[in-house]
C-alpha cells in the first residue's frame, strides 16, 4: 500500500495567522510596559521564524527595557549578523554597551550607525555622550553641534553643549543654549539645574536660587538640595 501525503494549505495559513496573533500580542505587551511577557512571546515567534532580524530586534528592545543589557547585546548582534545594514541595531547595541560602561564598543557602534544614517541628530547626540565618557570633550562638542545643526530644537544636545561651554568658561554661550532649551521645554528640570550652575558662575545668586527652586518644585532632587543649601538659597 502506498501512502500519498498531500500538503494542506490551510495548515500553513493557520500557522501564519497564529504568528500574526502572537506578534500583535507581543507588541501590545511592549506598549503597556510588560516587557517580560513580550520577551516570552518573541521567544515563541523566533522558534517559528528563527531567521527574522526584526524579531531579534524587538526582543532586544524589550530586554533593554528590562535592564538586561547583555541579553540585548546578544539579540542586536544577531540582528547585525542577519542584516548588516540594520542601522537601528547598531544604535541600540551602542546604547546597551553604554549602559554597561563599555564606551569603546559603544563608540564603534555609534560610528557605524552614523555611517548608515548620517542625518539622524540623535545618533550624533548619543555619540557625543560616549565621547564625554571617554574624556574627548572637543570631539563631543562637535557632535552636539552637529546634532543641533540637524535639528535646531534638540534640547538634550542644547543642555550638553551648554554644559561643555560652561566648563570652557563660556558662560554667555552656555546661558544662550540653556535659555533656548527652557524656551522650548519650560518643564525640563534638568535645564533649570544646569542654568543655575551657569548663574552661579556668573555670580547671579538670585537667578541661580530661583532656577534651583524651580527644578526642585518639578521633583528633580539630584544634587539640587545640596546646591540650595550650599548657596544659602533658603536664607533669602
Protein backbone atom coordinates (compact mmCIF):
# COMPACT_ATOMS: atom_id res chain seq x y z
CA UNK A 1 0.00 0.00 0.00
CA UNK A 2 1.32 3.43 -0.95
CA UNK A 3 0.51 6.41 1.21
CA UNK A 4 0.44 9.75 -0.51
CA UNK A 5 0.91 12.74 1.80
CA UNK A 6 -0.61 15.89 0.45
CA UNK A 7 0.27 19.35 1.70
CA UNK A 8 -2.58 21.13 3.45
CA UNK A 9 -2.65 24.83 2.59
CA UNK A 10 -4.97 25.62 5.46
CA UNK A 11 -2.38 24.38 7.96
CA UNK A 12 0.31 26.78 6.75
CA UNK A 13 -2.28 29.54 6.66
CA UNK A 14 -3.29 28.82 10.25
CA UNK A 15 0.35 28.95 11.31
CA UNK A 16 0.69 32.35 9.65
CA UNK A 17 -2.43 33.58 11.39
CA UNK A 18 -1.13 32.27 14.71
CA UNK A 19 2.16 34.12 14.18
CA UNK A 20 0.33 37.35 13.44
CA UNK A 21 -1.74 37.00 16.60
CA UNK A 22 1.34 36.30 18.73
CA UNK A 23 3.14 39.26 17.16
CA UNK A 24 0.18 41.55 17.87
CA UNK A 25 0.11 40.40 21.47
CA UNK A 26 3.89 40.86 21.84
CA UNK A 27 3.68 44.43 20.53
CA UNK A 28 0.76 45.14 22.84
CA UNK A 29 2.65 43.81 25.88
CA UNK A 30 5.55 46.07 24.89
CA UNK A 31 3.27 49.08 24.55
CA UNK A 32 1.95 48.70 28.11
CA UNK A 33 5.39 48.05 29.62
CA UNK A 34 5.02 44.29 30.13
CA UNK A 35 8.44 43.60 28.67
CA UNK A 36 9.00 40.19 30.24
CA UNK A 37 5.72 38.96 28.74
CA UNK A 38 6.82 40.43 25.40
CA UNK A 39 10.14 38.58 25.59
CA UNK A 40 8.33 35.27 26.14
CA UNK A 41 6.14 35.89 23.11
CA UNK A 42 9.12 36.84 20.95
CA UNK A 43 10.77 33.60 22.10
CA UNK A 44 7.80 31.68 20.68
CA UNK A 45 7.90 33.64 17.44
CA UNK A 46 11.61 33.03 16.99
CA UNK A 47 11.00 29.29 17.34
CA UNK A 48 8.67 29.63 14.34
CA UNK A 49 10.87 32.09 12.44
CA UNK A 50 14.49 31.79 13.64
CA UNK A 51 15.88 33.87 10.78
CA UNK A 52 13.90 37.04 11.47
CA UNK A 53 16.12 40.04 12.15
CA UNK A 54 13.06 42.10 13.10
CA UNK A 55 12.02 39.66 15.83
CA UNK A 56 15.51 39.60 17.35
CA UNK A 57 15.47 43.39 17.26
CA UNK A 58 12.11 43.65 19.04
CA UNK A 59 13.21 41.13 21.66
CA UNK A 60 16.42 43.10 22.14
CA UNK A 61 14.42 46.28 22.75
CA UNK A 62 12.32 44.53 25.40
CA UNK A 63 15.44 43.15 27.06
CA UNK A 64 16.92 46.65 27.13
CA UNK A 65 13.79 47.89 28.89
CA UNK A 66 14.30 45.12 31.44
CA UNK A 67 17.88 46.37 32.01
CA UNK A 68 19.21 43.12 30.54
CA UNK A 69 21.97 44.83 28.57
CA UNK A 70 23.92 41.63 27.96
CA UNK A 71 20.87 39.83 26.58
CA UNK A 72 20.04 42.86 24.46
CA UNK A 73 23.56 42.96 23.04
CA UNK A 74 23.26 39.29 22.08
CA UNK A 75 20.00 39.96 20.23
CA UNK A 76 21.24 43.09 18.46
CA UNK A 77 24.39 41.22 17.46
CA UNK A 78 22.20 38.52 15.91
CA UNK A 79 20.28 41.21 14.02
CA UNK A 80 23.53 42.58 12.62
CA UNK A 81 24.66 39.07 11.67
CA UNK A 82 21.41 38.54 9.75
CA UNK A 83 21.16 42.06 8.35
CA UNK A 84 24.45 44.02 8.46
CA UNK A 85 22.85 47.27 7.25
CA UNK A 86 20.24 47.38 10.05
CA UNK A 87 21.19 50.81 11.40
CA UNK A 88 18.90 50.80 14.43
CA UNK A 89 20.55 47.60 15.67
CA UNK A 90 23.90 49.40 15.86
CA UNK A 91 22.21 52.35 17.58
CA UNK A 92 20.54 50.16 20.21
CA UNK A 93 23.59 47.96 20.74
CA UNK A 94 25.64 51.12 21.26
CA UNK A 95 23.20 52.18 23.98
CA UNK A 96 23.44 48.76 25.62
CA UNK A 97 27.25 48.98 25.58
CA UNK A 98 26.94 52.47 27.08
CA UNK A 99 24.72 51.10 29.84
CA UNK A 100 27.39 48.57 30.86
CA UNK A 101 30.08 51.27 30.55
CA UNK A 102 31.83 49.66 27.59
CA UNK A 103 32.37 53.04 25.97
CA UNK A 104 34.92 51.99 23.31
CA UNK A 105 32.48 49.47 21.79
CA UNK A 106 29.63 51.97 22.15
CA UNK A 107 31.71 54.40 20.10
CA UNK A 108 32.36 51.81 17.37
CA UNK A 109 28.63 51.08 17.04
CA UNK A 110 27.68 54.76 17.06
CA UNK A 111 30.19 55.38 14.27
CA UNK A 112 28.64 52.56 12.24
CA UNK A 113 25.10 53.82 12.87
CA UNK A 114 26.12 57.29 11.65
CA UNK A 115 27.72 55.79 8.54
CA UNK A 116 24.36 54.18 7.73
CA UNK A 117 22.23 57.21 8.63
CA UNK A 118 24.28 60.44 8.67
CA UNK A 119 21.26 62.74 9.09
CA UNK A 120 19.89 61.37 12.38
CA UNK A 121 20.52 64.05 15.03
CA UNK A 122 20.05 61.56 17.88
CA UNK A 123 22.99 59.49 16.66
CA UNK A 124 25.37 62.44 16.91
CA UNK A 125 23.96 63.29 20.33
CA UNK A 126 24.45 59.70 21.52
CA UNK A 127 28.00 59.61 20.20
CA UNK A 128 28.69 62.90 21.94
CA UNK A 129 27.65 61.37 25.27
CA UNK A 130 30.02 58.46 24.69
CA UNK A 131 32.88 60.81 23.87
CA UNK A 132 32.24 62.76 27.07
CA UNK A 133 32.68 59.49 28.99
CA UNK A 134 35.90 58.87 27.03
CA UNK A 135 37.02 62.41 28.02
CA UNK A 136 37.17 63.54 24.40
CA UNK A 137 35.18 66.71 25.08
CA UNK A 138 36.40 68.58 21.99
CA UNK A 139 35.02 65.90 19.69
CA UNK A 140 31.90 65.55 21.85
CA UNK A 141 31.27 69.29 21.46
CA UNK A 142 31.45 68.87 17.67
CA UNK A 143 28.90 66.04 17.83
CA UNK A 144 26.47 68.11 19.91
CA UNK A 145 26.92 70.93 17.41
CA UNK A 146 26.11 68.55 14.56
CA UNK A 147 23.01 67.25 16.35
CA UNK A 148 21.77 70.83 16.79
CA UNK A 149 22.60 71.69 13.18
CA UNK A 150 20.50 68.74 12.02
CA UNK A 151 17.69 69.57 14.45
CA UNK A 152 17.86 73.02 15.98
CA UNK A 153 15.37 72.19 18.75
CA UNK A 154 17.29 69.16 20.06
CA UNK A 155 17.00 70.07 23.75
CA UNK A 156 19.23 67.27 25.17
CA UNK A 157 22.04 68.37 22.83
CA UNK A 158 21.49 72.00 23.83
CA UNK A 159 21.87 71.05 27.50
CA UNK A 160 25.04 69.04 26.88
CA UNK A 161 26.59 71.69 24.64
CA UNK A 162 25.71 74.35 27.20
CA UNK A 163 27.35 72.27 29.91
CA UNK A 164 30.55 71.95 27.86
CA UNK A 165 30.54 75.69 27.14
CA UNK A 166 30.19 76.30 30.88
CA UNK A 167 33.21 74.06 31.55
CA UNK A 168 35.16 76.10 28.99
CA UNK A 169 34.20 79.31 30.88
CA UNK A 170 31.98 80.42 28.00
CA UNK A 171 29.12 81.25 30.34
CA UNK A 172 27.38 83.62 27.93
CA UNK A 173 27.27 80.94 25.25
CA UNK A 174 26.17 78.34 27.81
CA UNK A 175 23.39 80.62 29.03
CA UNK A 176 22.18 81.10 25.46
CA UNK A 177 21.88 77.31 24.99
CA UNK A 178 20.06 76.78 28.29
CA UNK A 179 17.71 79.71 27.69
CA UNK A 180 16.72 78.22 24.35
CA UNK A 181 16.21 74.81 25.93
CA UNK A 182 13.92 76.25 28.61
CA UNK A 183 12.04 78.25 25.99
CA UNK A 184 11.40 75.00 24.12
CA UNK A 185 10.75 72.88 27.23
CA UNK A 186 9.69 75.09 30.15
CA UNK A 187 9.03 72.00 32.30
CA UNK A 188 12.52 70.50 31.92
CA UNK A 189 14.03 70.44 35.45
CA UNK A 190 17.49 69.40 34.25
CA UNK A 191 17.71 72.56 32.15
CA UNK A 192 16.94 74.74 35.18
CA UNK A 193 19.57 72.93 37.24
CA UNK A 194 22.24 73.46 34.59
CA UNK A 195 21.24 77.08 34.09
CA UNK A 196 21.52 77.60 37.86
CA UNK A 197 25.13 76.40 37.70
CA UNK A 198 25.82 78.97 35.00
CA UNK A 199 24.20 81.74 37.02
CA UNK A 200 26.38 80.76 40.00
CA UNK A 201 29.50 81.07 37.86
CA UNK A 202 28.25 84.49 36.75
CA UNK A 203 27.64 85.43 40.41
CA UNK A 204 23.91 85.85 39.88
CA UNK A 205 22.78 84.16 43.09
CA UNK A 206 19.14 85.23 42.95
CA UNK A 207 18.69 83.80 39.46
CA UNK A 208 20.55 80.64 40.44
CA UNK A 209 18.39 80.08 43.52
CA UNK A 210 15.23 80.72 41.53
CA UNK A 211 16.20 78.06 38.99
CA UNK A 212 17.17 75.57 41.69
CA UNK A 213 13.83 76.07 43.44
CA UNK A 214 12.10 75.62 40.09
CA UNK A 215 13.95 72.33 39.46
CA UNK A 216 13.09 71.12 42.96
CA UNK A 217 9.41 72.00 42.52
CA UNK A 218 9.38 69.72 39.45
CA UNK A 219 10.63 66.81 41.55
CA UNK A 220 14.25 66.93 40.44
CA UNK A 221 16.25 66.45 43.65
CA UNK A 222 19.53 65.06 42.29
CA UNK A 223 22.20 67.47 43.61
CA UNK A 224 19.62 70.27 43.82
CA UNK A 225 19.01 70.09 47.57
CA UNK A 226 22.73 70.30 48.29
CA UNK A 227 23.12 73.22 45.90
CA UNK A 228 20.25 75.04 47.57
CA UNK A 229 21.88 74.63 50.97
CA UNK A 230 25.42 75.40 49.78
CA UNK A 231 24.24 78.62 48.16
CA UNK A 232 22.09 79.60 51.17
CA UNK A 233 19.03 79.91 48.94
CA UNK A 234 16.75 79.35 51.91
CA UNK A 235 18.19 82.44 53.61
CA UNK A 236 16.61 84.77 51.07
